[in-house]
Amino acid sequence: MAERIGDISVFGVRKLRFRQRGPSIRVAARIEEITGGMVRASDLEPVKSARVVAEASS
């Protein structure tokens, strides 16, 4: 998948898959193109840990 997207490493794709980081606009657009719109940029937003959410609400 990293080769199909271009300009991203296998490790970077893994971080996206496990929602540890979000994609750049270019990478998000490319993923949407490759998947025929089945995976959108909003699907790739990182998940915030409970700790980060708790700290933000303090």
PDB file of N, CA and C in Angstrom:
ATOM      1  N   MET A   1       0.822  -1.188   0.000  1.00  0.00           N
ATOM      2  CA  MET A   1       0.000   0.000   0.000  1.00  0.00           C
ATOM      3  C   MET A   1       0.869   1.255   0.000  1.00  0.00           C
ATOM      4  N   ALA A   2       1.975   1.209   0.726  1.00  0.00           N
ATOM      5  CA  ALA A   2       2.866   2.372   0.756  1.00  0.00           C
ATOM      6  C   ALA A   2       3.360   2.710  -0.644  1.00  0.00           C
ATOM      7  N   GLU A   3       3.677   1.695  -1.428  1.00  0.00           N
ATOM      8  CA  GLU A   3       4.136   1.927  -2.801  1.00  0.00           C
ATOM      9  C   GLU A   3       3.030   2.542  -3.651  1.00  0.00           C
ATOM     10  N   ARG A   4       1.805   2.081  -3.477  1.00  0.00           N
ATOM     11  CA  ARG A   4       0.680   2.605  -4.255  1.00  0.00           C
ATOM     12  C   ARG A   4       0.383   4.056  -3.885  1.00  0.00           C
ATOM     13  N   ILE A   5       0.519   4.397  -2.605  1.00  0.00           N
ATOM     14  CA  ILE A   5       0.249   5.763  -2.159  1.00  0.00           C
ATOM     15  C   ILE A   5       1.370   6.682  -2.622  1.00  0.00           C
ATOM     16  N   GLY A   6       2.613   6.246  -2.417  1.00  0.00           N
ATOM     17  CA  GLY A   6       3.774   7.057  -2.764  1.00  0.00           C
ATOM     18  C   GLY A   6       4.082   8.053  -1.671  1.00  0.00           C
ATOM     19  N   ASP A   7       5.348   8.349  -1.489  1.00  0.00           N
ATOM     20  CA  ASP A   7       5.822   9.351  -0.524  1.00  0.00           C
ATOM     21  C   ASP A   7       5.394   9.055   0.916  1.00  0.00           C
ATOM     22  N   ILE A   8       5.308   7.758   1.259  1.00  0.00           N
ATOM     23  CA  ILE A   8       5.022   7.337   2.631  1.00  0.00           C
ATOM     24  C   ILE A   8       5.667   5.974   2.827  1.00  0.00           C
ATOM     25  N   SER A   9       6.181   5.758   4.021  1.00  0.00           N
ATOM     26  CA  SER A   9       6.845   4.481   4.303  1.00  0.00           C
ATOM     27  C   SER A   9       5.824   3.436   4.750  1.00  0.00           C
ATOM     28  N   VAL A  10       6.264   2.196   4.777  1.00  0.00           N
ATOM     29  CA  VAL A  10       5.430   1.119   5.300  1.00  0.00           C
ATOM     30  C   VAL A  10       5.090   1.415   6.761  1.00  0.00           C
ATOM     31  N   PHE A  11       6.061   1.919   7.507  1.00  0.00           N
ATOM     32  CA  PHE A  11       5.838   2.273   8.908  1.00  0.00           C
ATOM     33  C   PHE A  11       4.784   3.377   9.019  1.00  0.00           C
ATOM     34  N   GLY A  12       4.834   4.335   8.103  1.00  0.00           N
ATOM     35  CA  GLY A  12       3.843   5.414   8.094  1.00  0.00           C
ATOM     36  C   GLY A  12       2.443   4.894   7.832  1.00  0.00           C
ATOM     37  N   VAL A  13       2.317   3.951   6.909  1.00  0.00           N
ATOM     38  CA  VAL A  13       1.014   3.342   6.622  1.00  0.00           C
ATOM     39  C   VAL A  13       0.511   2.595   7.848  1.00  0.00           C
ATOM     40  N   ARG A  14       1.409   1.916   8.538  1.00  0.00           N
ATOM     41  CA  ARG A  14       1.020   1.198   9.748  1.00  0.00           C
ATOM     42  C   ARG A  14       0.484   2.163  10.813  1.00  0.00           C
ATOM     43  N   LYS A  15       1.143   3.296  10.972  1.00  0.00           N
ATOM     44  CA  LYS A  15       0.674   4.296  11.946  1.00  0.00           C
ATOM     45  C   LYS A  15      -0.717   4.812  11.557  1.00  0.00           C
ATOM     46  N   LEU A  16      -0.950   4.983  10.263  1.00  0.00           N
ATOM     47  CA  LEU A  16      -2.275   5.401   9.808  1.00  0.00           C
ATOM     48  C   LEU A  16      -3.309   4.318  10.096  1.00  0.00           C
ATOM     49  N   ARG A  17      -2.956   3.073   9.797  1.00  0.00           N
ATOM     50  CA  ARG A  17      -3.886   1.957   9.980  1.00  0.00           C
ATOM     51  C   ARG A  17      -4.329   1.805  11.432  1.00  0.00           C
ATOM     52  N   PHE A  18      -3.386   1.980  12.337  1.00  0.00           N
ATOM     53  CA  PHE A  18      -3.707   1.839  13.755  1.00  0.00           C
ATOM     54  C   PHE A  18      -4.092   3.180  14.390  1.00  0.00           C
ATOM     55  N   ARG A  19      -4.278   4.198  13.522  1.00  0.00           N
ATOM     56  CA  ARG A  19      -4.767   5.515  13.917  1.00  0.00           C
ATOM     57  C   ARG A  19      -3.914   6.160  14.994  1.00  0.00           C
ATOM     58  N   GLN A  20      -2.597   5.988  14.850  1.00  0.00           N
ATOM     59  CA  GLN A  20      -1.657   6.617  15.765  1.00  0.00           C
ATOM     60  C   GLN A  20      -1.273   8.011  15.286  1.00  0.00           C
ATOM     61  N   ARG A  21      -1.513   8.275  14.021  1.00  0.00           N
ATOM     62  CA  ARG A  21      -1.281   9.609  13.461  1.00  0.00           C
ATOM     63  C   ARG A  21      -2.211   9.789  12.277  1.00  0.00           C
ATOM     64  N   GLY A  22      -2.404  11.027  11.888  1.00  0.00           N
ATOM     65  CA  GLY A  22      -3.240  11.321  10.738  1.00  0.00           C
ATOM     66  C   GLY A  22      -2.393  11.534   9.495  1.00  0.00           C
ATOM     67  N   PRO A  23      -2.991  11.437   8.330  1.00  0.00           N
ATOM     68  CA  PRO A  23      -2.249  11.612   7.080  1.00  0.00           C
ATOM     69  C   PRO A  23      -2.130  13.079   6.687  1.00  0.00           C
ATOM     70  N   SER A  24      -1.184  13.346   5.814  1.00  0.00           N
ATOM     71  CA  SER A  24      -1.129  14.672   5.200  1.00  0.00           C
ATOM     72  C   SER A  24      -2.316  14.772   4.244  1.00  0.00           C
ATOM     73  N   ILE A  25      -2.606  15.952   3.803  1.00  0.00           N
ATOM     74  CA  ILE A  25      -3.720  16.140   2.863  1.00  0.00           C
ATOM     75  C   ILE A  25      -3.468  15.349   1.587  1.00  0.00           C
ATOM     76  N   ARG A  26      -2.233  15.378   1.107  1.00  0.00           N
ATOM     77  CA  ARG A  26      -1.897  14.670  -0.129  1.00  0.00           C
ATOM     78  C   ARG A  26      -2.071  13.169   0.030  1.00  0.00           C
ATOM     79  N   VAL A  27      -1.569  12.628   1.144  1.00  0.00           N
ATOM     80  CA  VAL A  27      -1.680  11.186   1.391  1.00  0.00           C
ATOM     81  C   VAL A  27      -3.151  10.795   1.566  1.00  0.00           C
ATOM     82  N   ALA A  28      -3.924  11.606   2.283  1.00  0.00           N
ATOM     83  CA  ALA A  28      -5.346  11.310   2.470  1.00  0.00           C
ATOM     84  C   ALA A  28      -6.069  11.285   1.124  1.00  0.00           C
ATOM     85  N   ALA A  29      -5.772  12.246   0.259  1.00  0.00           N
ATOM     86  CA  ALA A  29      -6.394  12.293  -1.058  1.00  0.00           C
ATOM     87  C   ALA A  29      -6.008  11.077  -1.885  1.00  0.00           C
ATOM     88  N   ARG A  30      -4.753  10.682  -1.802  1.00  0.00           N
ATOM     89  CA  ARG A  30      -4.279   9.526  -2.565  1.00  0.00           C
ATOM     90  C   ARG A  30      -4.947   8.233  -2.071  1.00  0.00           C
ATOM     91  N   ILE A  31      -5.086   8.087  -0.746  1.00  0.00           N
ATOM     92  CA  ILE A  31      -5.736   6.896  -0.191  1.00  0.00           C
ATOM     93  C   ILE A  31      -7.197   6.848  -0.632  1.00  0.00           C
ATOM     94  N   GLU A  32      -7.855   8.002  -0.608  1.00  0.00           N
ATOM     95  CA  GLU A  32      -9.248   8.043  -1.055  1.00  0.00           C
ATOM     96  C   GLU A  32      -9.346   7.652  -2.530  1.00  0.00           C
ATOM     97  N   GLU A  33      -8.415   8.118  -3.331  1.00  0.00           N
ATOM     98  CA  GLU A  33      -8.389   7.784  -4.758  1.00  0.00           C
ATOM     99  C   GLU A  33      -8.155   6.288  -4.974  1.00  0.00           C
ATOM    100  N   ILE A  34      -7.161   5.739  -4.302  1.00  0.00           N
ATOM    101  CA  ILE A  34      -6.811   4.320  -4.456  1.00  0.00           C
ATOM    102  C   ILE A  34      -7.958   3.409  -4.039  1.00  0.00           C
ATOM    103  N   THR A  35      -8.668   3.789  -2.960  1.00  0.00           N
ATOM    104  CA  THR A  35      -9.732   2.935  -2.431  1.00  0.00           C
ATOM    105  C   THR A  35     -11.088   3.234  -3.058  1.00  0.00           C
ATOM    106  N   GLY A  36     -11.116   4.102  -4.050  1.00  0.00           N
ATOM    107  CA  GLY A  36     -12.380   4.429  -4.697  1.00  0.00           C
ATOM    108  C   GLY A  36     -13.360   5.109  -3.752  1.00  0.00           C
ATOM    109  N   GLY A  37     -12.831   5.845  -2.777  1.00  0.00           N
ATOM    110  CA  GLY A  37     -13.666   6.572  -1.830  1.00  0.00           C
ATOM    111  C   GLY A  37     -14.146   5.759  -0.645  1.00  0.00           C
ATOM    112  N   MET A  38     -13.751   4.487  -0.580  1.00  0.00           N
ATOM    113  CA  MET A  38     -14.183   3.653   0.548  1.00  0.00           C
ATOM    114  C   MET A  38     -13.480   4.044   1.845  1.00  0.00           C
ATOM    115  N   VAL A  39     -12.286   4.614   1.750  1.00  0.00           N
ATOM    116  CA  VAL A  39     -11.568   5.132   2.922  1.00  0.00           C
ATOM    117  C   VAL A  39     -11.394   6.621   2.697  1.00  0.00           C
ATOM    118  N   ARG A  40     -11.998   7.413   3.571  1.00  0.00           N
ATOM    119  CA  ARG A  40     -11.940   8.868   3.457  1.00  0.00           C
ATOM    120  C   ARG A  40     -10.986   9.427   4.498  1.00  0.00           C
ATOM    121  N   ALA A  41     -10.614  10.689   4.324  1.00  0.00           N
ATOM    122  CA  ALA A  41      -9.697  11.338   5.263  1.00  0.00           C
ATOM    123  C   ALA A  41     -10.239  11.288   6.687  1.00  0.00           C
ATOM    124  N   SER A  42     -11.536  11.471   6.844  1.00  0.00           N
ATOM    125  CA  SER A  42     -12.119  11.440   8.193  1.00  0.00           C
ATOM    126  C   SER A  42     -12.000  10.064   8.834  1.00  0.00           C
ATOM    127  N   ASP A  43     -11.881   9.018   8.025  1.00  0.00           N
ATOM    128  CA  ASP A  43     -11.695   7.660   8.551  1.00  0.00           C
ATOM    129  C   ASP A  43     -10.295   7.464   9.107  1.00  0.00           C
ATOM    130  N   LEU A  44      -9.386   8.348   8.776  1.00  0.00           N
ATOM    131  CA  LEU A  44      -7.984   8.192   9.154  1.00  0.00           C
ATOM    132  C   LEU A  44      -7.559   9.093  10.303  1.00  0.00           C
ATOM    133  N   GLU A  45      -8.503   9.788  10.917  1.00  0.00           N
ATOM    134  CA  GLU A  45      -8.158  10.663  12.032  1.00  0.00           C
ATOM    135  C   GLU A  45      -7.612   9.838  13.186  1.00  0.00           C
ATOM    136  N   PRO A  46      -6.548  10.328  13.827  1.00  0.00           N
ATOM    137  CA  PRO A  46      -5.976   9.574  14.944  1.00  0.00           C
ATOM    138  C   PRO A  46      -6.951   9.479  16.116  1.00  0.00           C
ATOM    139  N   VAL A  47      -6.867   8.383  16.840  1.00  0.00           N
ATOM    140  CA  VAL A  47      -7.680   8.182  18.033  1.00  0.00           C
ATOM    141  C   VAL A  47      -6.929   8.779  19.209  1.00  0.00           C
ATOM    142  N   LYS A  48      -7.593   9.608  19.968  1.00  0.00           N
ATOM    143  CA  LYS A  48      -6.967  10.198  21.150  1.00  0.00           C
ATOM    144  C   LYS A  48      -7.088   9.223  22.302  1.00  0.00           C
ATOM    145  N   SER A  49      -6.008   9.082  23.036  1.00  0.00           N
ATOM    146  CA  SER A  49      -6.024   8.187  24.187  1.00  0.00           C
ATOM    147  C   SER A  49      -6.888   8.776  25.286  1.00  0.00           C
ATOM    148  N   ALA A  50      -7.356   7.950  26.202  1.00  0.00           N
ATOM    149  CA  ALA A  50      -8.175   8.401  27.323  1.00  0.00           C
ATOM    150  C   ALA A  50      -7.423   9.428  28.160  1.00  0.00           C
ATOM    151  N   ARG A  51      -6.117   9.276  28.262  1.00  0.00           N
ATOM    152  CA  ARG A  51      -5.293  10.199  29.040  1.00  0.00           C
ATOM    153  C   ARG A  51      -5.311  11.598  28.424  1.00  0.00           C
ATOM    154  N   VAL A  52      -5.175  11.677  27.111  1.00  0.00           N
ATOM    155  CA  VAL A  52      -5.173  12.966  26.422  1.00  0.00           C
ATOM    156  C   VAL A  52      -6.536  13.629  26.563  1.00  0.00           C
ATOM    157  N   VAL A  53      -7.602  12.837  26.426  1.00  0.00           N
ATOM    158  CA  VAL A  53      -8.953  13.381  26.555  1.00  0.00           C
ATOM    159  C   VAL A  53      -9.180  13.894  27.975  1.00  0.00           C
ATOM    160  N   ALA A  54      -8.742  13.145  28.990  1.00  0.00           N
ATOM    161  CA  ALA A  54      -8.904  13.547  30.391  1.00  0.00           C
ATOM    162  C   ALA A  54      -8.129  14.835  30.684  1.00  0.00           C
ATOM    163  N   GLU A  55      -6.921  14.945  30.150  1.00  0.00           N
ATOM    164  CA  GLU A  55      -6.111  16.144  30.368  1.00  0.00           C
ATOM    165  C   GLU A  55      -6.745  17.360  29.689  1.00  0.00           C
ATOM    166  N   ALA A  56      -7.345  17.155  28.542  1.00  0.00           N
ATOM    167  CA  ALA A  56      -7.961  18.254  27.800  1.00  0.00           C
ATOM    168  C   ALA A  56      -9.202  18.771  28.533  1.00  0.00           C
ATOM    169  N   SER A  57      -9.904  17.910  29.235  1.00  0.00           N
ATOM    170  CA  SER A  57     -11.122  18.331  29.909  1.00  0.00           C
ATOM    171  C   SER A  57     -10.844  18.887  31.308  1.00  0.00           C
ATOM    172  N   SER A  58      -9.600  18.814  31.771  1.00  0.00           N
ATOM    173  CA  SER A  58      -9.241  19.319  33.118  1.00  0.00           C
ATOM    174  C   SER A  58      -9.110  20.802  33.131  1.00  0.00           C
TER     175      SER A  58
END
